[in-house]
C-alpha atoms as a PDB file:
ATOM      1  CA  UNK A   1     -19.917  57.888 142.734  1.00  0.00           C
ATOM      2  CA  UNK A   2     -16.086  58.800 142.964  1.00  0.00           C
ATOM      3  CA  UNK A   3     -13.566  57.669 144.849  1.00  0.00           C
ATOM      4  CA  UNK A   4     -12.882  60.629 146.788  1.00  0.00           C
ATOM      5  CA  UNK A   5     -16.274  60.833 148.134  1.00  0.00           C
ATOM      6  CA  UNK A   6     -16.100  56.925 149.117  1.00  0.00           C
ATOM      7  CA  UNK A   7     -12.512  57.562 150.788  1.00  0.00           C
ATOM      8  CA  UNK A   8     -14.053  60.255 152.561  1.00  0.00           C
ATOM      9  CA  UNK A   9     -16.712  58.322 154.319  1.00  0.00           C
ATOM     10  CA  UNK A  10     -14.957  54.940 154.872  1.00  0.00           C
ATOM     11  CA  UNK A  11     -15.225  54.715 158.248  1.00  0.00           C
ATOM     12  CA  UNK A  12     -18.801  55.588 158.382  1.00  0.00           C
ATOM     13  CA  UNK A  13     -18.959  52.532 156.105  1.00  0.00           C
ATOM     14  CA  UNK A  14     -17.151  50.004 158.148  1.00  0.00           C
ATOM     15  CA  UNK A  15     -18.915  51.194 161.229  1.00  0.00           C
ATOM     16  CA  UNK A  16     -22.436  51.245 159.525  1.00  0.00           C
ATOM     17  CA  UNK A  17     -23.613  54.577 159.976  1.00  0.00           C
ATOM     18  CA  UNK A  18     -25.017  55.192 156.690  1.00  0.00           C
ATOM     19  CA  UNK A  19     -28.405  55.073 155.389  1.00  0.00           C
ATOM     20  CA  UNK A  20     -29.422  51.518 153.463  1.00  0.00           C
ATOM     21  CA  UNK A  21     -29.427  52.749 150.024  1.00  0.00           C
ATOM     22  CA  UNK A  22     -26.389  54.493 150.681  1.00  0.00           C
ATOM     23  CA  UNK A  23     -24.237  51.011 151.997  1.00  0.00           C
ATOM     24  CA  UNK A  24     -25.480  49.653 148.799  1.00  0.00           C
ATOM     25  CA  UNK A  25     -24.181  51.964 146.600  1.00  0.00           C
ATOM     26  CA  UNK A  26     -20.510  52.361 148.680  1.00  0.00           C
ATOM     27  CA  UNK A  27     -20.699  48.460 148.549  1.00  0.00           C
ATOM     28  CA  UNK A  28     -21.410  48.536 144.666  1.00  0.00           C
ATOM     29  CA  UNK A  29     -18.566  51.119 144.399  1.00  0.00           C
ATOM     30  CA  UNK A  30     -16.082  48.996 146.608  1.00  0.00           C
ATOM     31  CA  UNK A  31     -17.065  45.261 144.248  1.00  0.00           C
ATOM     32  CA  UNK A  32     -15.790  47.412 141.425  1.00  0.00           C
ATOM     33  CA  UNK A  33     -12.850  49.299 142.837  1.00  0.00           C
ATOM     34  CA  UNK A  34      -9.767  47.876 144.137  1.00  0.00           C
ATOM     35  CA  UNK A  35      -7.723  50.738 145.401  1.00  0.00           C
ATOM     36  CA  UNK A  36     -11.046  51.590 147.776  1.00  0.00           C
ATOM     37  CA  UNK A  37     -11.388  47.924 148.799  1.00  0.00           C
ATOM     38  CA  UNK A  38      -7.784  48.464 149.543  1.00  0.00           C
ATOM     39  CA  UNK A  39      -8.536  51.392 151.936  1.00  0.00           C
ATOM     40  CA  UNK A  40     -11.684  49.711 153.354  1.00  0.00           C
ATOM     41  CA  UNK A  41      -9.346  46.939 154.707  1.00  0.00           C
ATOM     42  CA  UNK A  42      -6.436  49.112 155.933  1.00  0.00           C
ATOM     43  CA  UNK A  43      -9.366  51.387 157.728  1.00  0.00           C
ATOM     44  CA  UNK A  44     -11.194  47.965 158.928  1.00  0.00           C
ATOM     45  CA  UNK A  45      -7.883  46.334 160.286  1.00  0.00           C
ATOM     46  CA  UNK A  46      -7.164  49.333 162.380  1.00  0.00           C
ATOM     47  CA  UNK A  47     -10.971  49.336 163.427  1.00  0.00           C
ATOM     48  CA  UNK A  48     -10.419  45.501 164.322  1.00  0.00           C
ATOM     49  CA  UNK A  49      -7.765  46.215 166.389  1.00  0.00           C
ATOM     50  CA  UNK A  50      -9.210  49.261 168.364  1.00  0.00           C
ATOM     51  CA  UNK A  51     -12.108  46.875 169.452  1.00  0.00           C
ATOM     52  CA  UNK A  52     -10.464  44.168 170.649  1.00  0.00           C
ATOM     53  CA  UNK A  53      -7.886  46.390 172.516  1.00  0.00           C
ATOM     54  CA  UNK A  54      -8.599  45.405 176.240  1.00  0.00           C
ATOM     55  CA  UNK A  55      -7.415  48.355 177.938  1.00  0.00           C
ATOM     56  CA  UNK A  56      -4.263  48.672 180.433  1.00  0.00           C
ATOM     57  CA  UNK A  57      -4.496  47.943 184.318  1.00  0.00           C
ATOM     58  CA  UNK A  58      -2.614  50.615 186.122  1.00  0.00           C
ATOM     59  CA  UNK A  59       0.022  49.794 188.454  1.00  0.00           C
ATOM     60  CA  UNK A  60      -1.105  49.966 192.369  1.00  0.00           C
ATOM     61  CA  UNK A  61       1.777  53.377 192.468  1.00  0.00           C
ATOM     62  CA  UNK A  62       0.045  54.670 189.207  1.00  0.00           C
ATOM     63  CA  UNK A  63      -1.555  57.699 191.293  1.00  0.00           C
ATOM     64  CA  UNK A  64       1.929  58.861 193.034  1.00  0.00           C
ATOM     65  CA  UNK A  65       3.943  57.863 189.639  1.00  0.00           C
ATOM     66  CA  UNK A  66       1.357  60.831 187.742  1.00  0.00           C
ATOM     67  CA  UNK A  67       1.632  63.133 190.449  1.00  0.00           C
ATOM     68  CA  UNK A  68       5.514  63.019 190.013  1.00  0.00           C
ATOM     69  CA  UNK A  69       5.430  63.485 186.631  1.00  0.00           C
ATOM     70  CA  UNK A  70       3.033  66.099 186.476  1.00  0.00           C
ATOM     71  CA  UNK A  71       5.598  67.985 188.948  1.00  0.00           C
ATOM     72  CA  UNK A  72       8.356  67.537 186.451  1.00  0.00           C
ATOM     73  CA  UNK A  73       6.180  69.011 184.268  1.00  0.00           C
ATOM     74  CA  UNK A  74       5.306  72.008 186.497  1.00  0.00           C
ATOM     75  CA  UNK A  75       1.768  71.803 185.656  1.00  0.00           C
ATOM     76  CA  UNK A  76      -0.268  72.396 188.458  1.00  0.00           C
ATOM     77  CA  UNK A  77      -2.393  68.999 189.848  1.00  0.00           C
ATOM     78  CA  UNK A  78      -5.687  70.482 189.274  1.00  0.00           C
ATOM     79  CA  UNK A  79      -5.207  71.093 185.517  1.00  0.00           C
ATOM     80  CA  UNK A  80      -3.790  67.377 184.909  1.00  0.00           C
ATOM     81  CA  UNK A  81      -6.878  66.242 186.480  1.00  0.00           C
ATOM     82  CA  UNK A  82      -8.879  68.317 184.303  1.00  0.00           C
ATOM     83  CA  UNK A  83      -7.156  67.259 181.156  1.00  0.00           C
ATOM     84  CA  UNK A  84      -7.362  64.041 181.847  1.00  0.00           C
ATOM     85  CA  UNK A  85     -11.332  64.260 183.137  1.00  0.00           C
ATOM     86  CA  UNK A  86     -12.095  65.784 179.892  1.00  0.00           C
ATOM     87  CA  UNK A  87     -10.218  63.112 177.829  1.00  0.00           C
ATOM     88  CA  UNK A  88     -11.979  60.739 179.759  1.00  0.00           C
ATOM     89  CA  UNK A  89     -15.277  62.325 179.462  1.00  0.00           C
ATOM     90  CA  UNK A  90     -15.142  63.032 175.568  1.00  0.00           C
ATOM     91  CA  UNK A  91     -14.311  58.966 175.120  1.00  0.00           C
ATOM     92  CA  UNK A  92     -17.242  58.248 177.096  1.00  0.00           C
ATOM     93  CA  UNK A  93     -19.394  60.126 174.818  1.00  0.00           C
ATOM     94  CA  UNK A  94     -18.275  58.687 172.023  1.00  0.00           C
ATOM     95  CA  UNK A  95     -18.543  55.239 173.087  1.00  0.00           C
ATOM     96  CA  UNK A  96     -21.746  56.028 174.050  1.00  0.00           C
ATOM     97  CA  UNK A  97     -23.083  57.770 170.949  1.00  0.00           C
ATOM     98  CA  UNK A  98     -21.680  54.062 168.847  1.00  0.00           C
ATOM     99  CA  UNK A  99     -23.831  51.811 171.809  1.00  0.00           C
ATOM    100  CA  UNK A 100     -26.932  54.328 171.189  1.00  0.00           C
ATOM    101  CA  UNK A 101     -26.260  53.541 167.335  1.00  0.00           C
ATOM    102  CA  UNK A 102     -26.153  49.908 167.316  1.00  0.00           C
ATOM    103  CA  UNK A 103     -28.964  49.893 170.102  1.00  0.00           C
ATOM    104  CA  UNK A 104     -31.352  52.334 169.011  1.00  0.00           C
ATOM    105  CA  UNK A 105     -34.501  51.618 167.411  1.00  0.00           C
ATOM    106  CA  UNK A 106     -35.670  53.089 163.762  1.00  0.00           C
ATOM    107  CA  UNK A 107     -36.543  56.754 164.120  1.00  0.00           C
ATOM    108  CA  UNK A 108     -40.196  57.954 164.699  1.00  0.00           C
ATOM    109  CA  UNK A 109     -41.957  60.038 162.045  1.00  0.00           C
ATOM    110  CA  UNK A 110     -42.667  62.887 164.513  1.00  0.00           C
ATOM    111  CA  UNK A 111     -40.285  65.145 163.049  1.00  0.00           C
ATOM    112  CA  UNK A 112     -40.997  67.351 160.283  1.00  0.00           C
ATOM    113  CA  UNK A 113     -37.655  66.673 157.972  1.00  0.00           C
ATOM    114  CA  UNK A 114     -37.416  63.078 157.396  1.00  0.00           C
ATOM    115  CA  UNK A 115     -34.933  60.623 155.514  1.00  0.00           C
ATOM    116  CA  UNK A 116     -35.625  58.791 152.704  1.00  0.00           C
ATOM    117  CA  UNK A 117     -36.458  55.242 155.154  1.00  0.00           C
ATOM    118  CA  UNK A 118     -38.908  57.499 157.039  1.00  0.00           C
ATOM    119  CA  UNK A 119     -40.406  59.113 153.814  1.00  0.00           C
ATOM    120  CA  UNK A 120     -40.751  55.115 152.352  1.00  0.00           C
ATOM    121  CA  UNK A 121     -42.425  54.090 155.915  1.00  0.00           C
ATOM    122  CA  UNK A 122     -44.559  57.605 156.076  1.00  0.00           C
ATOM    123  CA  UNK A 123     -45.842  56.888 152.187  1.00  0.00           C
ATOM    124  CA  UNK A 124     -46.223  53.101 152.720  1.00  0.00           C
ATOM    125  CA  UNK A 125     -43.999  52.482 149.955  1.00  0.00           C
ATOM    126  CA  UNK A 126     -40.587  50.583 149.731  1.00  0.00           C
ATOM    127  CA  UNK A 127     -37.400  52.432 149.950  1.00  0.00           C
ATOM    128  CA  UNK A 128     -36.388  51.220 146.199  1.00  0.00           C
ATOM    129  CA  UNK A 129     -39.723  53.050 145.255  1.00  0.00           C
ATOM    130  CA  UNK A 130     -38.961  55.835 146.787  1.00  0.00           C
ATOM    131  CA  UNK A 131     -35.749  56.258 145.004  1.00  0.00           C
ATOM    132  CA  UNK A 132     -37.324  55.466 141.598  1.00  0.00           C
ATOM    133  CA  UNK A 133     -39.919  58.508 142.320  1.00  0.00           C
ATOM    134  CA  UNK A 134     -36.889  60.579 144.215  1.00  0.00           C
ATOM    135  CA  UNK A 135     -36.429  62.999 140.940  1.00  0.00           C
ATOM    136  CA  UNK A 136     -40.254  64.206 141.714  1.00  0.00           C
ATOM    137  CA  UNK A 137     -40.466  64.193 145.254  1.00  0.00           C
ATOM    138  CA  UNK A 138     -39.858  67.837 146.708  1.00  0.00           C
ATOM    139  CA  UNK A 139     -36.425  67.263 148.833  1.00  0.00           C
ATOM    140  CA  UNK A 140     -33.182  68.953 149.528  1.00  0.00           C
ATOM    141  CA  UNK A 141     -30.211  68.029 150.175  1.00  0.00           C
ATOM    142  CA  UNK A 142     -27.245  67.149 153.055  1.00  0.00           C
ATOM    143  CA  UNK A 143     -24.089  65.877 152.206  1.00  0.00           C
ATOM    144  CA  UNK A 144     -24.966  62.968 150.200  1.00  0.00           C
ATOM    145  CA  UNK A 145     -28.493  62.069 152.210  1.00  0.00           C
ATOM    146  CA  UNK A 146     -31.697  63.395 150.532  1.00  0.00           C
ATOM    147  CA  UNK A 147     -34.231  65.149 153.485  1.00  0.00           C
ATOM    148  CA  UNK A 148     -37.816  65.754 152.768  1.00  0.00           C
ATOM    149  CA  UNK A 149     -39.773  68.350 154.637  1.00  0.00           C
ATOM    150  CA  UNK A 150     -42.890  66.507 155.439  1.00  0.00           C
ATOM    151  CA  UNK A 151     -45.374  69.480 155.163  1.00  0.00           C
ATOM    152  CA  UNK A 152     -43.368  70.024 151.180  1.00  0.00           C
ATOM    153  CA  UNK A 153     -44.203  66.004 150.960  1.00  0.00           C
ATOM    154  CA  UNK A 154     -47.749  66.255 151.984  1.00  0.00           C
ATOM    155  CA  UNK A 155     -48.405  69.562 149.244  1.00  0.00           C
ATOM    156  CA  UNK A 156     -47.130  67.033 146.510  1.00  0.00           C
ATOM    157  CA  UNK A 157     -49.316  64.262 147.866  1.00  0.00           C
ATOM    158  CA  UNK A 158     -52.242  66.065 147.523  1.00  0.00           C
ATOM    159  CA  UNK A 159     -50.898  67.640 144.204  1.00  0.00           C
ATOM    160  CA  UNK A 160     -51.083  63.600 143.015  1.00  0.00           C
ATOM    161  CA  UNK A 161     -54.403  63.131 144.642  1.00  0.00           C
ATOM    162  CA  UNK A 162     -55.983  66.251 142.380  1.00  0.00           C
ATOM    163  CA  UNK A 163     -54.462  65.386 139.433  1.00  0.00           C
ATOM    164  CA  UNK A 164     -55.616  61.510 139.399  1.00  0.00           C
ATOM    165  CA  UNK A 165     -59.756  63.051 140.539  1.00  0.00           C
ATOM    166  CA  UNK A 166     -59.094  65.051 137.320  1.00  0.00           C
ATOM    167  CA  UNK A 167     -57.959  62.007 135.139  1.00  0.00           C
ATOM    168  CA  UNK A 168     -60.721  59.728 136.525  1.00  0.00           C
ATOM    169  CA  UNK A 169     -63.413  62.850 136.247  1.00  0.00           C
ATOM    170  CA  UNK A 170     -62.332  62.880 132.643  1.00  0.00           C
ATOM    171  CA  UNK A 171     -63.157  59.066 132.227  1.00  0.00           C
ATOM    172  CA  UNK A 172     -66.312  59.048 133.950  1.00  0.00           C
ATOM    173  CA  UNK A 173     -67.662  61.449 131.583  1.00  0.00           C
ATOM    174  CA  UNK A 174     -66.410  59.751 128.314  1.00  0.00           C
ATOM    175  CA  UNK A 175     -69.053  58.193 126.419  1.00  0.00           C
ATOM    176  CA  UNK A 176     -67.776  55.299 123.699  1.00  0.00           C
ATOM    177  CA  UNK A 177     -71.041  55.912 122.086  1.00  0.00           C
ATOM    178  CA  UNK A 178     -69.762  59.682 120.965  1.00  0.00           C
ATOM    179  CA  UNK A 179     -66.885  58.089 119.392  1.00  0.00           C
ATOM    180  CA  UNK A 180     -68.835  55.348 116.990  1.00  0.00           C
ATOM    181  CA  UNK A 181     -70.630  57.927 115.177  1.00  0.00           C
END
């Protein structure tokens, strides 16, 4: 992977918001590249600081001070409250997504489009084995990740099965006596 690709996604790496294969590829690059490691350390420092932040307890007269400041800014109170409300909702949704990622169960295989991990479970193979075969499996790519359409994978598996049956048929019709003459 190129440094530019790595640096664009270091926050995802630090938060472990990528597939196991991508994580390993990033780790391999970081083991070799001092510049990217330095960038990751900087990002990790900021993230660690954010995680340790406990928030601020408002003073007893916080509401009245806020109202005074809003009047000075000549914005209606309703507008300020709405802006603050929107910001809180946005932060709350982001925190909820982070918590869901940390506590969510592995994805189910009910969807039509599968990640490489889902494909490995579907085919009952290891992720590493799927990566060995990935050039032969019908797929498409979103960003740096492969996706697989279940119907296309099923057709591919059926074609492999047909090839195997044809090969078995040839072997079963083979007679060594024909070649001994």
